[in-house]
Amino acid sequence: MTVLCLVERDGDGAADASLRALSLARELATSAGGDVAAVFFADPRTSGDNGSPASVPARELAALGVAEAYVVTAGSGYAPAAWARGLAELAVTRAAAAVLAAATDRGSEVLAHLGAITGQPVAAGCTSARWVAPGYCELVRQRWAGSLLEDAALESTLALVTVAADAVPVQLAEGAAEGAAAADVKVQEFQPEIADADLRVHAVESAERSTGISLATARVVVGGGRGVGGPEGFEVLEELAGLLGGTLGVSRVVTSQGWRPHRQQVGQTGTRISPELYLACGISGAIQHMAGCLSAKHIVAVNTDPDAPIIAHADYAVIGDLSQVIPALVAAIRERAGAA
């Protein structure tokens, strides 16, 4: 019984959210004595960098107990309908019983297309999955922005599942940490039949991140909200994020005002984060924002309002003007780094 798992790339490796999805895929496959096959999509525009079997991060896969991977060519760049078509054909070829993906923007969109192509339901935001009978899965999934966990059942000839990656840990396969090697992973190419209609919508370019660090996987996130005051106020926050080896995140109101791009938004309608540290500056902490950052290990809030909702969720709070607090923090970090 094969479980396919869509794996998104992050630089030369697999995205952290996809590694977590692979962990849940292995849990599902193990419950029925099956195996997991990782699925990557090639981009012919990259001159082979991620368009060939050699581009697959095989050592990462081996550590997770994945013994097989496919590199699928389905158009140029990200084309959700074409990716879904490729997954549908591969699922038939492999007689797969399930297809999983991280509940990222891409993973959710591709599986929605896949559900439409196959006529099968999609279970979204799952944190646990196991087969109890052929075609019958028991699931636990997040509801209400992760504030509620629901026990659910999925009856389907092809189980389609997105994984709430912020709530699923990366689990190495037993014994893999010692003996896993890239050579343990069999990598194959797969060429599906893609129609022109499947390529009607595709991404022609991707915005570069200023720090090169993914918001979804950053270990430190410095957040800025309405209290920053305007576009120019984010310069010192970016400087602080750089000193801490992190990246910048913002609240919805900031993107609505056009101060920062949407790709930096943290929240229910943005990116969900799970860093070691979330330093929230001038953010009130509306429920939609908190839905995106409650998985942070530590939350530190800087705010002039002691009654701001985020203060109740913070491990530490600084009640003060961020225009004074943050420059002082930057200066202290620079002084300590210079003395080291």
C-alpha atoms as a PDB file:
ATOM      1  CA  MET A   1       0.000   0.000   0.000  1.00  0.00           C
ATOM      2  CA  THR A   2       1.807   3.113  -1.251  1.00  0.00           C
ATOM      3  CA  VAL A   3       1.433   6.628   0.135  1.00  0.00           C
ATOM      4  CA  LEU A   4       2.598   9.467  -2.117  1.00  0.00           C
ATOM      5  CA  CYS A   5       3.781  12.683  -0.461  1.00  0.00           C
ATOM      6  CA  LEU A   6       4.281  15.955  -2.332  1.00  0.00           C
ATOM      7  CA  VAL A   7       7.572  17.513  -1.252  1.00  0.00           C
ATOM      8  CA  GLU A   8       8.226  21.217  -1.747  1.00  0.00           C
ATOM      9  CA  ARG A   9      11.751  22.526  -2.032  1.00  0.00           C
ATOM     10  CA  ASP A  10      13.569  25.033   0.159  1.00  0.00           C
ATOM     11  CA  GLY A  11      16.855  25.842  -1.517  1.00  0.00           C
ATOM     12  CA  ASP A  12      18.763  22.611  -2.121  1.00  0.00           C
ATOM     13  CA  GLY A  13      16.728  20.640   0.395  1.00  0.00           C
ATOM     14  CA  ALA A  14      13.152  19.828   1.253  1.00  0.00           C
ATOM     15  CA  ALA A  15      10.988  22.409   2.999  1.00  0.00           C
ATOM     16  CA  ASP A  16      10.551  21.824   6.711  1.00  0.00           C
ATOM     17  CA  ALA A  17       6.759  21.607   6.302  1.00  0.00           C
ATOM     18  CA  SER A  18       7.238  18.819   3.762  1.00  0.00           C
ATOM     19  CA  LEU A  19       9.562  16.896   6.069  1.00  0.00           C
ATOM     20  CA  ARG A  20       6.792  16.986   8.659  1.00  0.00           C
ATOM     21  CA  ALA A  21       4.270  15.853   6.053  1.00  0.00           C
ATOM     22  CA  LEU A  22       6.574  12.936   5.201  1.00  0.00           C
ATOM     23  CA  SER A  23       6.605  11.958   8.881  1.00  0.00           C
ATOM     24  CA  LEU A  24       2.805  11.768   8.899  1.00  0.00           C
ATOM     25  CA  ALA A  25       2.832   9.941   5.548  1.00  0.00           C
ATOM     26  CA  ARG A  26       5.091   7.299   7.092  1.00  0.00           C
ATOM     27  CA  GLU A  27       2.727   7.009  10.066  1.00  0.00           C
ATOM     28  CA  LEU A  28      -0.189   6.407   7.688  1.00  0.00           C
ATOM     29  CA  ALA A  29       1.739   3.939   5.525  1.00  0.00           C
ATOM     30  CA  THR A  30       3.021   2.004   8.552  1.00  0.00           C
ATOM     31  CA  SER A  31      -0.512   1.535   9.863  1.00  0.00           C
ATOM     32  CA  ALA A  32      -1.225  -0.678   6.839  1.00  0.00           C
ATOM     33  CA  GLY A  33       2.243  -2.139   6.263  1.00  0.00           C
ATOM     34  CA  GLY A  34       2.850   0.106   3.265  1.00  0.00           C
ATOM     35  CA  ASP A  35       5.602   2.432   2.084  1.00  0.00           C
ATOM     36  CA  VAL A  36       6.083   6.115   1.263  1.00  0.00           C
ATOM     37  CA  ALA A  37       7.183   7.616  -2.051  1.00  0.00           C
ATOM     38  CA  ALA A  38       8.260  11.265  -2.087  1.00  0.00           C
ATOM     39  CA  VAL A  39       7.201  13.328  -5.111  1.00  0.00           C
ATOM     40  CA  PHE A  40       9.161  16.340  -6.351  1.00  0.00           C
ATOM     41  CA  PHE A  41       8.290  18.539  -9.298  1.00  0.00           C
ATOM     42  CA  ALA A  42      11.031  19.566 -11.683  1.00  0.00           C
ATOM     43  CA  ASP A  43      11.401  22.982 -13.254  1.00  0.00           C
ATOM     44  CA  PRO A  44      13.051  22.720 -16.696  1.00  0.00           C
ATOM     45  CA  ARG A  45      14.039  26.396 -16.483  1.00  0.00           C
ATOM     46  CA  THR A  46      16.686  25.648 -13.862  1.00  0.00           C
ATOM     47  CA  SER A  47      19.146  23.847 -16.158  1.00  0.00           C
ATOM     48  CA  GLY A  48      18.914  20.645 -14.198  1.00  0.00           C
ATOM     49  CA  ASP A  49      19.445  22.071 -10.710  1.00  0.00           C
ATOM     50  CA  ASN A  50      16.085  20.731  -9.596  1.00  0.00           C
ATOM     51  CA  GLY A  51      14.986  19.046 -12.769  1.00  0.00           C
ATOM     52  CA  SER A  52      16.885  15.769 -12.441  1.00  0.00           C
ATOM     53  CA  PRO A  53      17.062  12.826 -10.046  1.00  0.00           C
ATOM     54  CA  ALA A  54      20.376  14.163  -8.755  1.00  0.00           C
ATOM     55  CA  SER A  55      18.539  17.185  -7.335  1.00  0.00           C
ATOM     56  CA  VAL A  56      16.546  15.112  -4.836  1.00  0.00           C
ATOM     57  CA  PRO A  57      17.773  15.547  -1.207  1.00  0.00           C
ATOM     58  CA  ALA A  58      18.123  11.792  -0.829  1.00  0.00           C
ATOM     59  CA  ARG A  59      19.916  11.843   2.509  1.00  0.00           C
ATOM     60  CA  GLU A  60      17.061  13.807   4.111  1.00  0.00           C
ATOM     61  CA  LEU A  61      14.563  11.315   2.707  1.00  0.00           C
ATOM     62  CA  ALA A  62      16.576   8.308   3.853  1.00  0.00           C
ATOM     63  CA  ALA A  63      16.660   9.646   7.406  1.00  0.00           C
ATOM     64  CA  LEU A  64      12.861   9.702   7.352  1.00  0.00           C
ATOM     65  CA  GLY A  65      12.653   6.132   6.130  1.00  0.00           C
ATOM     66  CA  VAL A  66      11.692   7.022   2.554  1.00  0.00           C
ATOM     67  CA  ALA A  67      13.157   4.544   0.086  1.00  0.00           C
ATOM     68  CA  GLU A  68      11.660   5.845  -3.151  1.00  0.00           C
ATOM     69  CA  ALA A  69      11.253   9.242  -4.811  1.00  0.00           C
ATOM     70  CA  TYR A  70       9.896  10.563  -8.097  1.00  0.00           C
ATOM     71  CA  VAL A  71      10.872  13.669 -10.033  1.00  0.00           C
ATOM     72  CA  VAL A  72       7.848  14.738 -12.078  1.00  0.00           C
ATOM     73  CA  THR A  73       8.018  17.127 -15.017  1.00  0.00           C
ATOM     74  CA  ALA A  74       4.750  19.011 -15.399  1.00  0.00           C
ATOM     75  CA  GLY A  75       5.286  22.278 -17.232  1.00  0.00           C
ATOM     76  CA  SER A  76       7.588  25.151 -16.374  1.00  0.00           C
ATOM     77  CA  GLY A  77       7.423  26.554 -12.864  1.00  0.00           C
ATOM     78  CA  TYR A  78       4.572  26.134 -10.423  1.00  0.00           C
ATOM     79  CA  ALA A  79       1.358  25.115 -12.226  1.00  0.00           C
ATOM     80  CA  PRO A  80      -1.170  23.786  -9.663  1.00  0.00           C
ATOM     81  CA  ALA A  81      -3.492  22.007 -12.104  1.00  0.00           C
ATOM     82  CA  ALA A  82      -0.545  20.399 -13.906  1.00  0.00           C
ATOM     83  CA  TRP A  83       1.000  19.282 -10.616  1.00  0.00           C
ATOM     84  CA  ALA A  84      -2.328  17.765  -9.603  1.00  0.00           C
ATOM     85  CA  ARG A  85      -2.585  15.989 -12.970  1.00  0.00           C
ATOM     86  CA  GLY A  86       0.897  14.575 -12.472  1.00  0.00           C
ATOM     87  CA  LEU A  87       0.011  13.330  -8.994  1.00  0.00           C
ATOM     88  CA  ALA A  88      -3.211  11.769 -10.302  1.00  0.00           C
ATOM     89  CA  GLU A  89      -1.362   9.845 -13.020  1.00  0.00           C
ATOM     90  CA  LEU A  90       1.392   8.762 -10.645  1.00  0.00           C
ATOM     91  CA  ALA A  91      -1.204   7.583  -8.123  1.00  0.00           C
ATOM     92  CA  VAL A  92      -2.763   5.366 -10.804  1.00  0.00           C
ATOM     93  CA  THR A  93       0.641   4.085 -11.972  1.00  0.00           C
ATOM     94  CA  ARG A  94       1.669   3.179  -8.423  1.00  0.00           C
ATOM     95  CA  ALA A  95      -1.829   2.069  -7.339  1.00  0.00           C
ATOM     96  CA  ALA A  96      -1.396   4.495  -4.448  1.00  0.00           C
ATOM     97  CA  ALA A  97      -3.889   4.502  -1.595  1.00  0.00           C
ATOM     98  CA  ALA A  98      -3.203   8.064  -0.433  1.00  0.00           C
ATOM     99  CA  VAL A  99      -1.619  11.368  -1.439  1.00  0.00           C
ATOM    100  CA  LEU A 100      -0.399  13.768   1.252  1.00  0.00           C
ATOM    101  CA  ALA A 101       0.991  17.305   1.160  1.00  0.00           C
ATOM    102  CA  ALA A 102       1.860  19.945   3.721  1.00  0.00           C
ATOM    103  CA  ALA A 103      -0.980  22.411   4.316  1.00  0.00           C
ATOM    104  CA  THR A 104       1.010  25.235   2.732  1.00  0.00           C
ATOM    105  CA  ASP A 105      -0.423  27.533   0.068  1.00  0.00           C
ATOM    106  CA  ARG A 106       0.901  25.244  -2.659  1.00  0.00           C
ATOM    107  CA  GLY A 107       0.121  21.958  -0.958  1.00  0.00           C
ATOM    108  CA  SER A 108      -3.466  22.977  -0.222  1.00  0.00           C
ATOM    109  CA  GLU A 109      -4.021  24.331  -3.730  1.00  0.00           C
ATOM    110  CA  VAL A 110      -2.587  21.287  -5.498  1.00  0.00           C
ATOM    111  CA  LEU A 111      -4.610  18.825  -3.420  1.00  0.00           C
ATOM    112  CA  ALA A 112      -7.770  20.844  -4.038  1.00  0.00           C
ATOM    113  CA  HIS A 113      -7.148  20.426  -7.788  1.00  0.00           C
ATOM    114  CA  LEU A 114      -6.357  16.752  -7.236  1.00  0.00           C
ATOM    115  CA  GLY A 115      -9.657  16.283  -5.415  1.00  0.00           C
ATOM    116  CA  ALA A 116     -11.489  17.871  -8.348  1.00  0.00           C
ATOM    117  CA  ILE A 117      -9.670  15.654 -10.878  1.00  0.00           C
ATOM    118  CA  THR A 118     -10.234  12.404  -8.986  1.00  0.00           C
ATOM    119  CA  GLY A 119     -13.617  13.195  -7.451  1.00  0.00           C
ATOM    120  CA  GLN A 120     -12.261  12.305  -3.994  1.00  0.00           C
ATOM    121  CA  PRO A 121     -12.676  14.342  -0.767  1.00  0.00           C
ATOM    122  CA  VAL A 122      -9.751  16.171   0.824  1.00  0.00           C
ATOM    123  CA  ALA A 123      -9.145  16.073   4.597  1.00  0.00           C
ATOM    124  CA  ALA A 124      -7.400  19.341   5.496  1.00  0.00           C
ATOM    125  CA  GLY A 125      -5.091  20.261   8.353  1.00  0.00           C
ATOM    126  CA  CYS A 126      -4.507  16.778   9.762  1.00  0.00           C
ATOM    127  CA  THR A 127      -2.192  16.035  12.679  1.00  0.00           C
ATOM    128  CA  SER A 128      -2.612  12.233  12.734  1.00  0.00           C
ATOM    129  CA  ALA A 129      -3.754   9.586  10.268  1.00  0.00           C
ATOM    130  CA  ARG A 130      -4.002   5.804  10.184  1.00  0.00           C
ATOM    131  CA  TRP A 131      -5.832   3.158   8.210  1.00  0.00           C
ATOM    132  CA  VAL A 132      -8.190   0.900  10.133  1.00  0.00           C
ATOM    133  CA  ALA A 133      -9.547  -0.848   7.026  1.00  0.00           C
ATOM    134  CA  PRO A 134      -8.998  -0.610   3.265  1.00  0.00           C
ATOM    135  CA  GLY A 135     -10.380   2.722   2.095  1.00  0.00           C
ATOM    136  CA  TYR A 136     -11.129   3.867   5.663  1.00  0.00           C
ATOM    137  CA  CYS A 137      -8.831   6.243   7.587  1.00  0.00           C
ATOM    138  CA  GLU A 138      -9.130   7.606  11.085  1.00  0.00           C
ATOM    139  CA  LEU A 139      -7.827  11.172  11.320  1.00  0.00           C
ATOM    140  CA  VAL A 140      -7.242  13.954  13.791  1.00  0.00           C
ATOM    141  CA  ARG A 141      -7.410  17.375  12.201  1.00  0.00           C
ATOM    142  CA  GLN A 142      -7.315  21.008  13.235  1.00  0.00           C
ATOM    143  CA  ARG A 143     -10.448  23.142  13.151  1.00  0.00           C
ATOM    144  CA  TRP A 144     -11.062  26.807  13.947  1.00  0.00           C
ATOM    145  CA  ALA A 145      -7.500  27.880  13.136  1.00  0.00           C
ATOM    146  CA  GLY A 146      -6.020  25.125  15.282  1.00  0.00           C
ATOM    147  CA  SER A 147      -7.946  25.975  18.460  1.00  0.00           C
ATOM    148  CA  LEU A 148      -9.908  22.711  18.206  1.00  0.00           C
ATOM    149  CA  LEU A 149      -8.883  19.149  17.328  1.00  0.00           C
ATOM    150  CA  GLU A 150     -11.480  16.975  15.607  1.00  0.00           C
ATOM    151  CA  ASP A 151     -11.577  13.178  15.401  1.00  0.00           C
ATOM    152  CA  ALA A 152     -12.722  12.337  11.888  1.00  0.00           C
ATOM    153  CA  ALA A 153     -13.044   9.437   9.466  1.00  0.00           C
ATOM    154  CA  LEU A 154     -12.266   9.487   5.762  1.00  0.00           C
ATOM    155  CA  GLU A 155     -13.793   6.922   3.435  1.00  0.00           C
ATOM    156  CA  SER A 156     -12.171   7.123   0.019  1.00  0.00           C
ATOM    157  CA  THR A 157     -10.530   4.961  -2.604  1.00  0.00           C
ATOM    158  CA  LEU A 158      -7.726   7.532  -2.675  1.00  0.00           C
ATOM    159  CA  ALA A 159      -7.182   9.367   0.616  1.00  0.00           C
ATOM    160  CA  LEU A 160      -6.190  13.002   0.029  1.00  0.00           C
ATOM    161  CA  VAL A 161      -4.747  14.665   3.127  1.00  0.00           C
ATOM    162  CA  THR A 162      -3.055  17.976   3.890  1.00  0.00           C
ATOM    163  CA  VAL A 163      -0.835  18.007   6.973  1.00  0.00           C
ATOM    164  CA  ALA A 164      -0.930  20.742   9.609  1.00  0.00           C
ATOM    165  CA  ALA A 165       2.851  20.892   9.598  1.00  0.00           C
ATOM    166  CA  ASP A 166       3.117  23.354  12.486  1.00  0.00           C
ATOM    167  CA  ALA A 167       1.655  20.669  14.770  1.00  0.00           C
ATOM    168  CA  VAL A 168       3.474  17.578  13.429  1.00  0.00           C
ATOM    169  CA  PRO A 169       7.107  16.967  14.452  1.00  0.00           C
ATOM    170  CA  VAL A 170       9.761  15.628  12.109  1.00  0.00           C
ATOM    171  CA  GLN A 171      10.235  11.999  13.146  1.00  0.00           C
ATOM    172  CA  LEU A 172      13.328  10.133  11.982  1.00  0.00           C
ATOM    173  CA  ALA A 173      12.762   6.523  11.040  1.00  0.00           C
ATOM    174  CA  GLU A 174      13.940   4.001  13.620  1.00  0.00           C
ATOM    175  CA  GLY A 175      17.642   3.384  13.133  1.00  0.00           C
ATOM    176  CA  ALA A 176      17.817   5.843  10.230  1.00  0.00           C
ATOM    177  CA  ALA A 177      19.913   8.397  12.085  1.00  0.00           C
ATOM    178  CA  GLU A 178      22.800   5.931  12.256  1.00  0.00           C
ATOM    179  CA  GLY A 179      22.563   4.044   8.986  1.00  0.00           C
ATOM    180  CA  ALA A 180      20.642   6.142   6.454  1.00  0.00           C
ATOM    181  CA  ALA A 181      22.471   7.026   3.259  1.00  0.00           C
ATOM    182  CA  ALA A 182      21.531   8.764   0.046  1.00  0.00           C
ATOM    183  CA  ALA A 183      22.150   5.520  -1.844  1.00  0.00           C
ATOM    184  CA  ASP A 184      19.245   3.948   0.060  1.00  0.00           C
ATOM    185  CA  VAL A 185      16.746   6.060  -1.914  1.00  0.00           C
ATOM    186  CA  LYS A 186      15.686   4.958  -5.394  1.00  0.00           C
ATOM    187  CA  VAL A 187      14.953   8.031  -7.523  1.00  0.00           C
ATOM    188  CA  GLN A 188      12.967   7.827 -10.767  1.00  0.00           C
ATOM    189  CA  GLU A 189      11.683  10.308 -13.324  1.00  0.00           C
ATOM    190  CA  PHE A 190       8.000  10.435 -14.245  1.00  0.00           C
ATOM    191  CA  GLN A 191       6.506  12.226 -17.237  1.00  0.00           C
ATOM    192  CA  PRO A 192       2.702  12.594 -17.081  1.00  0.00           C
ATOM    193  CA  GLU A 193       0.485  13.641 -19.969  1.00  0.00           C
ATOM    194  CA  ILE A 194      -0.243  17.318 -19.393  1.00  0.00           C
ATOM    195  CA  ALA A 195      -2.878  19.175 -21.421  1.00  0.00           C
ATOM    196  CA  ASP A 196      -2.563  22.842 -22.392  1.00  0.00           C
ATOM    197  CA  ALA A 197      -5.541  23.606 -20.130  1.00  0.00           C
ATOM    198  CA  ASP A 198      -3.549  22.333 -17.143  1.00  0.00           C
ATOM    199  CA  LEU A 199      -0.889  24.958 -17.826  1.00  0.00           C
ATOM    200  CA  ARG A 200      -3.267  27.879 -18.210  1.00  0.00           C
ATOM    201  CA  VAL A 201      -2.418  29.082 -14.697  1.00  0.00           C
ATOM    202  CA  HIS A 202       1.236  28.971 -13.707  1.00  0.00           C
ATOM    203  CA  ALA A 203       3.789  31.062 -11.846  1.00  0.00           C
ATOM    204  CA  VAL A 204       6.294  32.792 -14.102  1.00  0.00           C
ATOM    205  CA  GLU A 205       8.471  34.203 -11.325  1.00  0.00           C
ATOM    206  CA  SER A 206       8.890  34.019  -7.573  1.00  0.00           C
ATOM    207  CA  ALA A 207       9.615  36.950  -5.284  1.00  0.00           C
ATOM    208  CA  GLU A 208      12.972  36.614  -3.568  1.00  0.00           C
ATOM    209  CA  ARG A 209      13.066  36.816   0.202  1.00  0.00           C
ATOM    210  CA  SER A 210      15.239  39.640   1.437  1.00  0.00           C
ATOM    211  CA  THR A 211      16.868  37.452   4.109  1.00  0.00           C
ATOM    212  CA  GLY A 212      16.853  34.151   2.260  1.00  0.00           C
ATOM    213  CA  ILE A 213      15.156  32.559   5.305  1.00  0.00           C
ATOM    214  CA  SER A 214      11.694  31.057   4.958  1.00  0.00           C
ATOM    215  CA  LEU A 215       9.105  32.604   7.265  1.00  0.00           C
ATOM    216  CA  ALA A 216       7.458  29.216   7.732  1.00  0.00           C
ATOM    217  CA  THR A 217      10.685  27.542   8.894  1.00  0.00           C
ATOM    218  CA  ALA A 218      12.604  30.396  10.569  1.00  0.00           C
ATOM    219  CA  ARG A 219      13.755  29.694  14.124  1.00  0.00           C
ATOM    220  CA  VAL A 220      13.465  33.412  14.977  1.00  0.00           C
ATOM    221  CA  VAL A 221      10.765  35.760  13.667  1.00  0.00           C
ATOM    222  CA  VAL A 222      10.618  39.480  14.420  1.00  0.00           C
ATOM    223  CA  GLY A 223       7.062  40.666  13.871  1.00  0.00           C
ATOM    224  CA  GLY A 224       5.804  44.180  13.242  1.00  0.00           C
ATOM    225  CA  GLY A 225       2.261  45.543  13.373  1.00  0.00           C
ATOM    226  CA  ARG A 226       0.366  48.799  13.158  1.00  0.00           C
ATOM    227  CA  GLY A 227       2.408  50.159  16.083  1.00  0.00           C
ATOM    228  CA  VAL A 228       5.512  50.305  13.881  1.00  0.00           C
ATOM    229  CA  GLY A 229       3.959  53.439  12.403  1.00  0.00           C
ATOM    230  CA  GLY A 230       4.776  53.119   8.715  1.00  0.00           C
ATOM    231  CA  PRO A 231       7.020  51.509   6.083  1.00  0.00           C
ATOM    232  CA  GLU A 232      10.160  53.234   7.344  1.00  0.00           C
ATOM    233  CA  GLY A 233       9.699  51.750  10.826  1.00  0.00           C
ATOM    234  CA  PHE A 234      10.495  48.240   9.583  1.00  0.00           C
ATOM    235  CA  GLU A 235      14.146  48.998   8.802  1.00  0.00           C
ATOM    236  CA  VAL A 236      15.226  48.562  12.424  1.00  0.00           C
ATOM    237  CA  LEU A 237      13.101  45.405  12.740  1.00  0.00           C
ATOM    238  CA  GLU A 238      14.831  43.923   9.677  1.00  0.00           C
ATOM    239  CA  GLU A 239      18.180  44.822  11.218  1.00  0.00           C
ATOM    240  CA  LEU A 240      17.211  43.091  14.458  1.00  0.00           C
ATOM    241  CA  ALA A 241      15.996  40.002  12.587  1.00  0.00           C
ATOM    242  CA  GLY A 242      19.320  39.818  10.773  1.00  0.00           C
ATOM    243  CA  LEU A 243      21.300  40.074  14.015  1.00  0.00           C
ATOM    244  CA  LEU A 244      19.229  37.253  15.504  1.00  0.00           C
ATOM    245  CA  GLY A 245      19.564  35.045  12.432  1.00  0.00           C
ATOM    246  CA  GLY A 246      15.850  35.297  11.740  1.00  0.00           C
ATOM    247  CA  THR A 247      13.390  36.911   9.377  1.00  0.00           C
ATOM    248  CA  LEU A 248      10.655  39.524   9.408  1.00  0.00           C
ATOM    249  CA  GLY A 249       6.932  38.836   9.801  1.00  0.00           C
ATOM    250  CA  VAL A 250       4.020  41.275   9.874  1.00  0.00           C
ATOM    251  CA  SER A 251       0.370  41.488  10.830  1.00  0.00           C
ATOM    252  CA  ARG A 252      -2.525  41.656   8.360  1.00  0.00           C
ATOM    253  CA  VAL A 253      -3.087  45.374   8.842  1.00  0.00           C
ATOM    254  CA  VAL A 254       0.486  46.036   7.703  1.00  0.00           C
ATOM    255  CA  THR A 255      -0.067  44.258   4.383  1.00  0.00           C
ATOM    256  CA  SER A 256      -3.494  45.884   3.996  1.00  0.00           C
ATOM    257  CA  GLN A 257      -1.832  49.293   4.329  1.00  0.00           C
ATOM    258  CA  GLY A 258       0.716  48.271   1.699  1.00  0.00           C
ATOM    259  CA  TRP A 259       3.635  48.745   4.050  1.00  0.00           C
ATOM    260  CA  ARG A 260       4.987  45.215   3.490  1.00  0.00           C
ATOM    261  CA  PRO A 261       4.240  42.377   1.014  1.00  0.00           C
ATOM    262  CA  HIS A 262       1.653  39.702   1.795  1.00  0.00           C
ATOM    263  CA  ARG A 263       4.272  36.929   1.755  1.00  0.00           C
ATOM    264  CA  GLN A 264       5.522  38.294   5.114  1.00  0.00           C
ATOM    265  CA  GLN A 265       2.102  38.110   6.801  1.00  0.00           C
ATOM    266  CA  VAL A 266       1.748  35.918   9.879  1.00  0.00           C
ATOM    267  CA  GLY A 267      -1.741  34.722  10.734  1.00  0.00           C
ATOM    268  CA  GLN A 268      -4.787  32.740   9.729  1.00  0.00           C
ATOM    269  CA  THR A 269      -4.771  34.235   6.224  1.00  0.00           C
ATOM    270  CA  GLY A 270      -0.980  34.393   6.041  1.00  0.00           C
ATOM    271  CA  THR A 271       1.800  32.045   7.122  1.00  0.00           C
ATOM    272  CA  ARG A 272       1.650  29.925  10.250  1.00  0.00           C
ATOM    273  CA  ILE A 273       4.956  29.963  12.068  1.00  0.00           C
ATOM    274  CA  SER A 274       6.531  27.808  14.768  1.00  0.00           C
ATOM    275  CA  PRO A 275       9.849  29.464  15.643  1.00  0.00           C
ATOM    276  CA  GLU A 276      11.875  29.142  18.814  1.00  0.00           C
ATOM    277  CA  LEU A 277      11.304  32.868  19.358  1.00  0.00           C
ATOM    278  CA  TYR A 278       8.602  35.222  18.093  1.00  0.00           C
ATOM    279  CA  LEU A 279       9.344  38.852  18.989  1.00  0.00           C
ATOM    280  CA  ALA A 280       6.098  40.732  18.300  1.00  0.00           C
ATOM    281  CA  CYS A 281       6.500  44.511  18.087  1.00  0.00           C
ATOM    282  CA  GLY A 282       3.505  46.830  18.007  1.00  0.00           C
ATOM    283  CA  ILE A 283       1.097  43.950  17.344  1.00  0.00           C
ATOM    284  CA  SER A 284      -2.183  43.923  19.271  1.00  0.00           C
ATOM    285  CA  GLY A 285      -2.725  40.176  18.879  1.00  0.00           C
ATOM    286  CA  ALA A 286      -6.090  39.736  17.161  1.00  0.00           C
ATOM    287  CA  ILE A 287      -7.324  36.135  17.126  1.00  0.00           C
ATOM    288  CA  GLN A 288      -6.541  35.785  13.406  1.00  0.00           C
ATOM    289  CA  HIS A 289      -2.929  36.768  14.040  1.00  0.00           C
ATOM    290  CA  MET A 290      -2.558  34.547  17.080  1.00  0.00           C
ATOM    291  CA  ALA A 291      -3.813  31.583  15.031  1.00  0.00           C
ATOM    292  CA  GLY A 292      -0.611  31.911  13.015  1.00  0.00           C
ATOM    293  CA  CYS A 293       1.901  32.177  15.835  1.00  0.00           C
ATOM    294  CA  LEU A 294       0.640  30.143  18.801  1.00  0.00           C
ATOM    295  CA  SER A 295       3.010  27.314  17.838  1.00  0.00           C
ATOM    296  CA  ALA A 296       5.973  29.551  18.661  1.00  0.00           C
ATOM    297  CA  LYS A 297       7.988  28.113  21.543  1.00  0.00           C
ATOM    298  CA  HIS A 298       8.464  31.556  23.117  1.00  0.00           C
ATOM    299  CA  ILE A 299       6.551  34.784  22.439  1.00  0.00           C
ATOM    300  CA  VAL A 300       7.978  38.127  23.528  1.00  0.00           C
ATOM    301  CA  ALA A 301       5.742  41.167  23.035  1.00  0.00           C
ATOM    302  CA  VAL A 302       6.757  44.826  22.868  1.00  0.00           C
ATOM    303  CA  ASN A 303       3.723  47.074  23.168  1.00  0.00           C
ATOM    304  CA  THR A 304       2.644  50.345  24.740  1.00  0.00           C
ATOM    305  CA  ASP A 305      -0.722  48.832  25.739  1.00  0.00           C
ATOM    306  CA  PRO A 306      -0.534  46.493  28.768  1.00  0.00           C
ATOM    307  CA  ASP A 307      -4.047  45.264  27.954  1.00  0.00           C
ATOM    308  CA  ALA A 308      -3.281  44.252  24.357  1.00  0.00           C
ATOM    309  CA  PRO A 309      -4.524  40.667  23.729  1.00  0.00           C
ATOM    310  CA  ILE A 310      -1.052  39.464  22.760  1.00  0.00           C
ATOM    311  CA  ILE A 311       0.238  40.229  26.270  1.00  0.00           C
ATOM    312  CA  ALA A 312      -1.901  37.399  27.645  1.00  0.00           C
ATOM    313  CA  HIS A 313      -0.213  34.945  25.262  1.00  0.00           C
ATOM    314  CA  ALA A 314       3.339  36.240  25.692  1.00  0.00           C
ATOM    315  CA  ASP A 315       5.976  34.532  27.819  1.00  0.00           C
ATOM    316  CA  TYR A 316       7.559  37.944  28.352  1.00  0.00           C
ATOM    317  CA  ALA A 317       6.295  41.454  27.670  1.00  0.00           C
ATOM    318  CA  VAL A 318       7.997  44.819  27.462  1.00  0.00           C
ATOM    319  CA  ILE A 319       5.544  47.661  28.013  1.00  0.00           C
ATOM    320  CA  GLY A 320       7.144  50.524  26.173  1.00  0.00           C
ATOM    321  CA  ASP A 321       7.650  52.432  22.940  1.00  0.00           C
ATOM    322  CA  LEU A 322       9.171  50.094  20.353  1.00  0.00           C
ATOM    323  CA  SER A 323      10.894  53.059  18.670  1.00  0.00           C
ATOM    324  CA  GLN A 324      13.015  53.263  21.830  1.00  0.00           C
ATOM    325  CA  VAL A 325      13.090  49.602  22.884  1.00  0.00           C
ATOM    326  CA  ILE A 326      14.166  48.058  19.568  1.00  0.00           C
ATOM    327  CA  PRO A 327      17.083  50.430  18.775  1.00  0.00           C
ATOM    328  CA  ALA A 328      18.338  49.886  22.340  1.00  0.00           C
ATOM    329  CA  LEU A 329      18.105  46.115  21.839  1.00  0.00           C
ATOM    330  CA  VAL A 330      19.948  46.334  18.510  1.00  0.00           C
ATOM    331  CA  ALA A 331      22.696  48.431  20.116  1.00  0.00           C
ATOM    332  CA  ALA A 332      23.059  45.958  22.979  1.00  0.00           C
ATOM    333  CA  ILE A 333      23.342  42.993  20.626  1.00  0.00           C
ATOM    334  CA  ARG A 334      25.931  44.793  18.487  1.00  0.00           C
ATOM    335  CA  GLU A 335      27.925  45.738  21.600  1.00  0.00           C
ATOM    336  CA  ARG A 336      27.922  42.177  22.876  1.00  0.00           C
ATOM    337  CA  ALA A 337      28.884  40.813  19.444  1.00  0.00           C
ATOM    338  CA  GLY A 338      31.762  43.308  19.279  1.00  0.00           C
ATOM    339  CA  ALA A 339      33.001  42.300  22.700  1.00  0.00           C
ATOM    340  CA  ALA A 340      32.871  38.583  21.916  1.00  0.00           C
END
